[in-house]
Amino acid sequence: MEIEEAIKELKHRGAEKILLQIPDGLKPESFNLFNRFSEEFKVVISSQSFYGACDIGNMEVYRDVDCIVQFGHSEIPNIKYTKPVIFIEYYYKAVELDDNVFSVLRDDGIKDIGLLSSVQYYKEMQYVQEKLDKLGYNVIIGSVDGRLKYPGQVLGCNFSSAHSIANRVDAYLLVSTGLFHGIGAQLSTDKPVYILDLNQKSIRNIQPDIDKFLRKRYARMEPALDAKKFAIIIDTKIGQYRKKLAYSIYSKVKDMGKEAIIVTADNINPMDVENMMCDAAVFTGCPRVSIDDGEKFRIPILTPIEFEQLFGFKSNDRYIMDEIVGVDSYSPIR
């Protein structure tokens, strides 16, 4: 959706006051965006960083507006948003690729390829599909569950598009510019994952990155085995709210004879956790917090799956990525 279409939709909804959520990379456009929307509505811009369509801010941010406009992400269909949200998707600039970029796939004997991308690279993924089709590869794009909008799309917490075609592909090709989604995809499947880095215009197998990631991750997790006090953290973001899961983990900690507390957080802060004098925490929101930001904390911050594998509630034959399929409806903490 373009800005002018969004304005028409806002008028159709009868909106008068709107909140703009602008990702950090687009914040230099804040004045231009504010001025354009202010021609039609009363506007406020959220200064907070946000983490996708799962995060429309807390109630203090959006309670006084009629509608939210979020840039850079696509709707998560199975979230019941508490205020109307209009998503203006932002796509990565188009990149032309030579045929020889894809030669590594042929050299590795890959014929059936599952294509994946996050929403920012979705149009580029369609271009890559055309290239691969012309080169004679069998390209398969997977279906998704209710948390994703487009076939082949992935989130950092959901790889249903990869699962849906796992038995039909030799490998996956993720159209991206970074490692996080690739690591998640690889940890969610037994098939090789290649990243097509649009900045470098190159393709590589990410298994060496996985080996490095797992060594570091297990080293961060292991001290939790000696923990006596656990904080079980519920993320209050509407698309990451897993209260039932948090209380399930809480019960398991108590059954092990350890101490546990239930904590809520909108943006988890290392100092806030450390001030509670806990030895470890289990974060039930976005797995990116534990995985990408874990080294900011002095104590282990585990995903729910990591906790269950570490303490024997699930098989630990291989590392399992925490994926969010659905979330709880908001309700009082009891």
Protein backbone atom coordinates (compact mmCIF):
# COMPACT_ATOMS: atom_id res chain seq x y z
CA MET A 1 0.00 0.00 0.00
CA GLU A 2 1.28 3.44 -0.93
CA ILE A 3 0.86 6.56 1.21
CA GLU A 4 -1.97 7.99 -0.89
CA GLU A 5 -3.86 4.70 -0.71
CA ALA A 6 -3.34 4.66 3.05
CA ILE A 7 -4.79 8.15 3.35
CA LYS A 8 -7.87 7.08 1.37
CA GLU A 9 -8.28 4.07 3.65
CA LEU A 10 -7.95 6.24 6.76
CA LYS A 11 -10.63 8.60 5.47
CA HIS A 12 -12.86 5.64 4.67
CA ARG A 13 -12.46 4.46 8.28
CA GLY A 14 -13.36 7.93 9.55
CA ALA A 15 -10.03 8.38 11.32
CA GLU A 16 -9.19 11.79 12.74
CA LYS A 17 -6.18 11.09 14.98
CA ILE A 18 -3.47 8.68 13.80
CA LEU A 19 -0.21 7.27 15.11
CA LEU A 20 2.69 6.73 12.71
CA GLN A 21 5.12 3.90 13.47
CA ILE A 22 8.26 4.44 11.40
CA PRO A 23 11.18 1.95 11.44
CA ASP A 24 14.58 3.34 12.35
CA GLY A 25 15.81 3.12 8.77
CA LEU A 26 12.99 5.39 7.58
CA LYS A 27 13.02 7.85 10.51
CA PRO A 28 14.93 10.45 8.45
CA GLU A 29 11.64 10.76 6.52
CA SER A 30 9.71 11.65 9.70
CA PHE A 31 9.16 15.33 8.80
CA ASN A 32 7.99 14.52 5.27
CA LEU A 33 5.63 11.81 6.48
CA PHE A 34 4.30 13.89 9.35
CA ASN A 35 3.64 16.87 7.07
CA ARG A 36 1.84 14.79 4.43
CA PHE A 37 -0.45 12.99 6.86
CA SER A 38 -1.03 16.22 8.83
CA GLU A 39 -2.71 17.70 5.77
CA GLU A 40 -5.60 15.32 6.46
CA PHE A 41 -5.37 14.19 10.10
CA LYS A 42 -4.04 14.98 13.55
CA VAL A 43 -0.76 13.05 13.68
CA VAL A 44 1.72 11.87 16.27
CA ILE A 45 4.86 9.84 15.53
CA SER A 46 6.01 7.14 17.91
CA SER A 47 9.68 7.64 18.76
CA GLN A 48 9.99 4.04 19.98
CA SER A 49 11.64 1.34 17.95
CA PHE A 50 9.28 -1.50 17.08
CA TYR A 51 9.86 -5.05 16.02
CA GLY A 52 7.33 -5.82 13.34
CA ALA A 53 3.61 -6.23 12.89
CA CYS A 54 3.55 -8.03 16.25
CA ASP A 55 4.40 -4.73 17.97
CA ILE A 56 2.02 -1.78 17.72
CA GLY A 57 3.29 -0.25 20.96
CA ASN A 58 1.69 -0.27 24.38
CA MET A 59 -1.65 1.27 25.28
CA GLU A 60 -0.08 4.52 26.50
CA VAL A 61 1.19 5.03 22.95
CA TYR A 62 -1.95 4.30 20.95
CA ARG A 63 -4.96 4.72 23.24
CA ASP A 64 -5.68 8.31 22.13
CA VAL A 65 -5.66 7.69 18.37
CA ASP A 66 -8.22 6.23 15.99
CA CYS A 67 -5.83 4.31 13.80
CA ILE A 68 -2.18 3.26 13.53
CA VAL A 69 -0.11 3.41 10.35
CA GLN A 70 2.91 1.13 10.45
CA PHE A 71 5.64 1.30 7.82
CA GLY A 72 7.86 -1.56 6.69
CA HIS A 73 5.94 -4.69 7.65
CA SER A 74 2.99 -6.79 6.57
CA GLU A 75 -0.02 -7.67 8.66
CA ILE A 76 0.04 -10.78 10.83
CA PRO A 77 -3.40 -12.15 9.93
CA ASN A 78 -4.15 -14.07 13.12
CA ILE A 79 -3.52 -11.17 15.52
CA LYS A 80 -6.60 -9.40 16.86
CA TYR A 81 -5.32 -5.84 16.85
CA THR A 82 -6.83 -3.64 19.54
CA LYS A 83 -6.86 -0.63 17.19
CA PRO A 84 -7.18 -0.55 13.39
CA VAL A 85 -3.74 -0.81 11.79
CA ILE A 86 -2.82 0.07 8.21
CA PHE A 87 0.43 -1.45 6.99
CA ILE A 88 2.54 0.29 4.36
CA GLU A 89 4.99 -2.35 3.22
CA TYR A 90 8.49 -1.20 2.36
CA TYR A 91 10.43 -3.12 -0.25
CA TYR A 92 14.17 -3.41 -0.76
CA LYS A 93 15.45 -1.66 -3.87
CA ALA A 94 15.59 -3.86 -6.95
CA VAL A 95 18.90 -5.59 -7.69
CA GLU A 96 19.95 -7.11 -11.00
CA LEU A 97 21.68 -10.49 -10.67
CA ASP A 98 23.91 -12.30 -13.18
CA ASP A 99 23.15 -15.94 -13.93
CA ASN A 100 26.53 -17.02 -12.56
CA VAL A 101 25.46 -15.92 -9.06
CA PHE A 102 23.36 -19.10 -8.92
CA SER A 103 26.11 -21.46 -10.04
CA VAL A 104 26.89 -22.53 -6.45
CA LEU A 105 23.49 -24.24 -6.31
CA ARG A 106 24.19 -26.27 -9.44
CA ASP A 107 27.70 -27.09 -8.20
CA ASP A 108 26.18 -28.48 -5.00
CA GLY A 109 23.70 -30.64 -6.92
CA ILE A 110 20.63 -28.62 -5.94
CA LYS A 111 17.67 -29.00 -8.29
CA ASP A 112 14.53 -28.48 -6.19
CA ILE A 113 14.74 -25.13 -4.40
CA GLY A 114 12.41 -23.73 -1.76
CA LEU A 115 12.37 -19.93 -1.96
CA LEU A 116 12.01 -17.85 1.21
CA SER A 117 12.12 -14.16 2.07
CA SER A 118 11.04 -11.61 4.63
CA VAL A 119 8.47 -9.10 3.43
CA GLN A 120 11.05 -6.40 2.64
CA TYR A 121 12.57 -8.65 -0.03
CA TYR A 122 9.38 -10.23 -1.31
CA LYS A 123 9.37 -8.52 -4.70
CA GLU A 124 13.03 -9.41 -5.16
CA MET A 125 12.14 -13.02 -4.33
CA GLN A 126 9.65 -13.02 -7.21
CA TYR A 127 12.41 -11.74 -9.52
CA VAL A 128 14.73 -14.51 -8.25
CA GLN A 129 12.02 -17.07 -8.95
CA GLU A 130 11.87 -15.97 -12.58
CA LYS A 131 15.67 -16.20 -12.87
CA LEU A 132 15.77 -19.69 -11.40
CA ASP A 133 12.91 -20.89 -13.60
CA LYS A 134 14.80 -19.76 -16.72
CA LEU A 135 17.95 -21.52 -15.48
CA GLY A 136 16.05 -24.83 -15.23
CA TYR A 137 15.66 -25.15 -11.46
CA ASN A 138 12.45 -26.48 -9.95
CA VAL A 139 11.33 -23.61 -7.71
CA ILE A 140 8.82 -24.27 -4.93
CA ILE A 141 7.30 -21.58 -2.72
CA GLY A 142 5.65 -22.85 0.43
CA SER A 143 2.28 -22.05 1.95
CA VAL A 144 2.06 -20.31 5.32
CA ASP A 145 0.06 -20.48 8.52
CA GLY A 146 -2.15 -17.74 9.99
CA ARG A 147 0.80 -15.70 11.24
CA LEU A 148 2.13 -14.90 7.77
CA LYS A 149 0.57 -13.04 4.86
CA TYR A 150 2.48 -14.15 1.75
CA PRO A 151 3.59 -17.54 0.39
CA GLY A 152 7.29 -18.05 1.03
CA GLN A 153 7.40 -15.33 3.68
CA VAL A 154 9.30 -15.87 6.93
CA LEU A 155 9.43 -14.05 10.23
CA GLY A 156 12.15 -14.38 12.83
CA CYS A 157 9.67 -16.40 14.87
CA ASN A 158 7.84 -18.32 12.15
CA PHE A 159 9.10 -20.56 9.33
CA SER A 160 5.87 -22.32 8.38
CA SER A 161 6.57 -21.62 4.69
CA ALA A 162 9.72 -23.75 4.98
CA HIS A 163 7.99 -26.54 6.92
CA SER A 164 5.20 -26.82 4.33
CA ILE A 165 7.60 -27.93 1.56
CA ALA A 166 10.29 -29.71 3.59
CA ASN A 167 9.72 -33.04 1.81
CA ARG A 168 9.76 -31.51 -1.68
CA VAL A 169 13.03 -29.58 -1.79
CA ASP A 170 16.76 -30.29 -1.80
CA ALA A 171 17.56 -26.98 -0.13
CA TYR A 172 16.19 -23.52 0.63
CA LEU A 173 17.30 -20.20 -0.81
CA LEU A 174 16.57 -17.22 1.44
CA VAL A 175 16.52 -13.82 -0.28
CA SER A 176 17.84 -11.44 2.34
CA THR A 177 20.68 -9.18 3.47
CA GLY A 178 21.45 -10.57 6.92
CA LEU A 179 21.91 -13.76 8.90
CA PHE A 180 19.10 -13.81 11.45
CA HIS A 181 16.33 -15.21 9.25
CA GLY A 182 18.77 -17.64 7.65
CA ILE A 183 19.85 -19.01 11.02
CA GLY A 184 16.23 -19.40 12.05
CA ALA A 185 15.34 -21.17 8.82
CA GLN A 186 18.31 -23.55 9.12
CA LEU A 187 17.50 -24.38 12.75
CA SER A 188 13.91 -25.11 11.73
CA THR A 189 14.74 -27.65 9.02
CA ASP A 190 17.12 -30.49 8.24
CA LYS A 191 17.64 -29.28 4.66
CA PRO A 192 20.55 -26.97 3.70
CA VAL A 193 19.80 -23.25 3.70
CA TYR A 194 21.55 -20.84 1.36
CA ILE A 195 21.42 -17.07 1.68
CA LEU A 196 21.22 -14.87 -1.38
CA ASP A 197 22.82 -11.71 0.02
CA LEU A 198 21.47 -8.85 -2.06
CA ASN A 199 24.17 -6.46 -0.86
CA GLN A 200 26.99 -8.80 -1.84
CA LYS A 201 25.13 -10.29 -4.83
CA SER A 202 26.33 -13.72 -3.79
CA ILE A 203 24.97 -17.03 -2.50
CA ARG A 204 26.47 -19.11 0.28
CA ASN A 205 25.58 -22.06 2.47
CA ILE A 206 25.18 -20.87 6.04
CA GLN A 207 26.11 -24.12 7.82
CA PRO A 208 29.44 -22.64 9.07
CA ASP A 209 27.45 -19.80 10.65
CA ILE A 210 25.13 -22.33 12.28
CA ASP A 211 28.03 -24.21 13.84
CA LYS A 212 29.40 -20.97 15.27
CA PHE A 213 25.96 -19.89 16.49
CA LEU A 214 25.29 -23.17 18.29
CA ARG A 215 28.63 -23.16 20.10
CA LYS A 216 27.94 -19.67 21.41
CA ARG A 217 24.31 -20.38 22.20
CA TYR A 218 24.96 -23.53 24.22
CA ALA A 219 27.68 -21.69 26.14
CA ARG A 220 25.11 -19.01 27.05
CA MET A 221 22.47 -21.57 28.01
CA GLU A 222 24.55 -23.92 30.14
CA PRO A 223 24.87 -21.74 33.30
CA ALA A 224 21.07 -21.91 33.65
CA LEU A 225 21.46 -25.51 34.79
CA ASP A 226 22.78 -24.22 38.13
CA ALA A 227 20.18 -21.45 38.46
CA LYS A 228 18.01 -21.44 41.58
CA LYS A 229 15.85 -18.38 40.84
CA PHE A 230 14.07 -17.91 37.49
CA ALA A 231 12.19 -14.91 36.11
CA ILE A 232 9.53 -15.98 33.61
CA ILE A 233 8.92 -12.97 31.39
CA ILE A 234 5.68 -12.30 29.51
CA ASP A 235 6.08 -9.86 26.63
CA THR A 236 3.05 -7.56 26.56
CA LYS A 237 3.35 -6.78 22.83
CA ILE A 238 0.09 -7.82 21.24
CA GLY A 239 1.71 -10.20 18.78
CA GLN A 240 4.11 -11.80 21.27
CA TYR A 241 1.78 -12.26 24.25
CA ARG A 242 2.08 -15.88 25.41
CA LYS A 243 0.80 -15.80 28.99
CA LYS A 244 -0.34 -19.44 29.03
CA LEU A 245 3.09 -20.60 27.92
CA ALA A 246 4.75 -18.45 30.60
CA TYR A 247 2.63 -20.03 33.34
CA SER A 248 3.37 -23.49 31.97
CA ILE A 249 7.11 -22.77 32.25
CA TYR A 250 6.55 -21.28 35.72
CA SER A 251 4.89 -24.54 36.88
CA LYS A 252 7.77 -26.61 35.53
CA VAL A 253 10.33 -24.48 37.35
CA LYS A 254 8.41 -24.84 40.60
CA ASP A 255 8.09 -28.59 40.10
CA MET A 256 11.89 -28.75 39.87
CA GLY A 257 12.09 -27.28 43.35
CA LYS A 258 13.42 -23.93 42.14
CA GLU A 259 12.10 -20.43 42.78
CA ALA A 260 10.23 -18.57 40.06
CA ILE A 261 8.50 -15.25 39.51
CA ILE A 262 6.22 -14.02 36.73
CA VAL A 263 7.30 -10.73 35.15
CA THR A 264 5.81 -8.57 32.39
CA ALA A 265 7.82 -6.41 30.03
CA ASP A 266 7.25 -4.32 26.94
CA ASN A 267 10.92 -3.81 26.16
CA ILE A 268 13.10 -6.09 28.24
CA ASN A 269 16.02 -4.29 29.86
CA PRO A 270 19.13 -6.07 31.24
CA MET A 271 19.26 -3.87 34.34
CA ASP A 272 15.60 -4.48 35.16
CA VAL A 273 16.16 -8.24 35.08
CA GLU A 274 19.40 -8.12 37.04
CA ASN A 275 17.85 -5.92 39.74
CA MET A 276 15.42 -8.76 40.53
CA MET A 277 18.40 -10.89 41.57
CA CYS A 278 17.43 -13.89 39.46
CA ASP A 279 19.95 -16.41 38.16
CA ALA A 280 18.25 -17.01 34.80
CA ALA A 281 15.22 -15.88 32.82
CA VAL A 282 12.87 -17.43 30.29
CA PHE A 283 11.56 -14.90 27.78
CA THR A 284 8.30 -15.92 26.11
CA GLY A 285 8.23 -13.09 23.54
CA CYS A 286 10.26 -12.74 20.37
CA PRO A 287 13.11 -15.29 20.23
CA ARG A 288 15.31 -12.60 18.75
CA VAL A 289 15.68 -11.08 22.24
CA SER A 290 17.28 -14.23 23.63
CA ILE A 291 19.30 -15.02 20.52
CA ASP A 292 20.44 -11.62 19.23
CA ASP A 293 20.51 -9.69 22.51
CA GLY A 294 21.45 -12.48 24.91
CA GLU A 295 25.02 -11.27 25.35
CA LYS A 296 23.76 -7.96 26.75
CA PHE A 297 22.60 -9.83 29.86
CA ARG A 298 24.82 -11.15 32.63
CA ILE A 299 22.48 -14.08 33.19
CA PRO A 300 21.17 -16.67 30.70
CA ILE A 301 18.02 -15.53 28.84
CA LEU A 302 16.38 -18.66 27.45
CA THR A 303 13.60 -19.15 24.95
CA PRO A 304 10.83 -21.48 26.20
CA ILE A 305 12.06 -24.27 23.91
CA GLU A 306 15.63 -23.83 25.14
CA PHE A 307 14.43 -24.15 28.73
CA GLU A 308 12.46 -27.31 27.97
CA GLN A 309 15.37 -28.89 26.09
CA LEU A 310 17.94 -27.90 28.71
CA PHE A 311 15.94 -29.43 31.56
CA GLY A 312 14.73 -32.52 29.72
CA PHE A 313 11.10 -31.64 29.06
CA LYS A 314 11.77 -31.99 25.32
CA SER A 315 14.30 -34.02 23.36
CA ASN A 316 17.65 -32.27 23.02
CA ASP A 317 18.96 -34.34 20.11
CA ARG A 318 19.10 -31.13 18.05
CA TYR A 319 18.58 -27.48 18.80
CA ILE A 320 14.99 -26.35 18.17
CA MET A 321 14.17 -22.78 17.18
CA ASP A 322 11.38 -21.15 19.16
CA GLU A 323 8.55 -20.37 16.73
CA ILE A 324 5.36 -18.42 17.44
CA VAL A 325 2.29 -19.85 15.73
CA GLY A 326 -0.37 -18.00 17.71
CA VAL A 327 -0.66 -15.77 20.76
CA ASP A 328 -3.09 -15.36 23.64
CA SER A 329 -5.79 -12.76 23.79
CA TYR A 330 -5.12 -10.04 26.32
CA SER A 331 -6.47 -10.86 29.75
CA PRO A 332 -5.58 -9.90 33.33
CA ILE A 333 -2.57 -11.62 34.90
CA ARG A 334 -3.90 -14.06 37.50
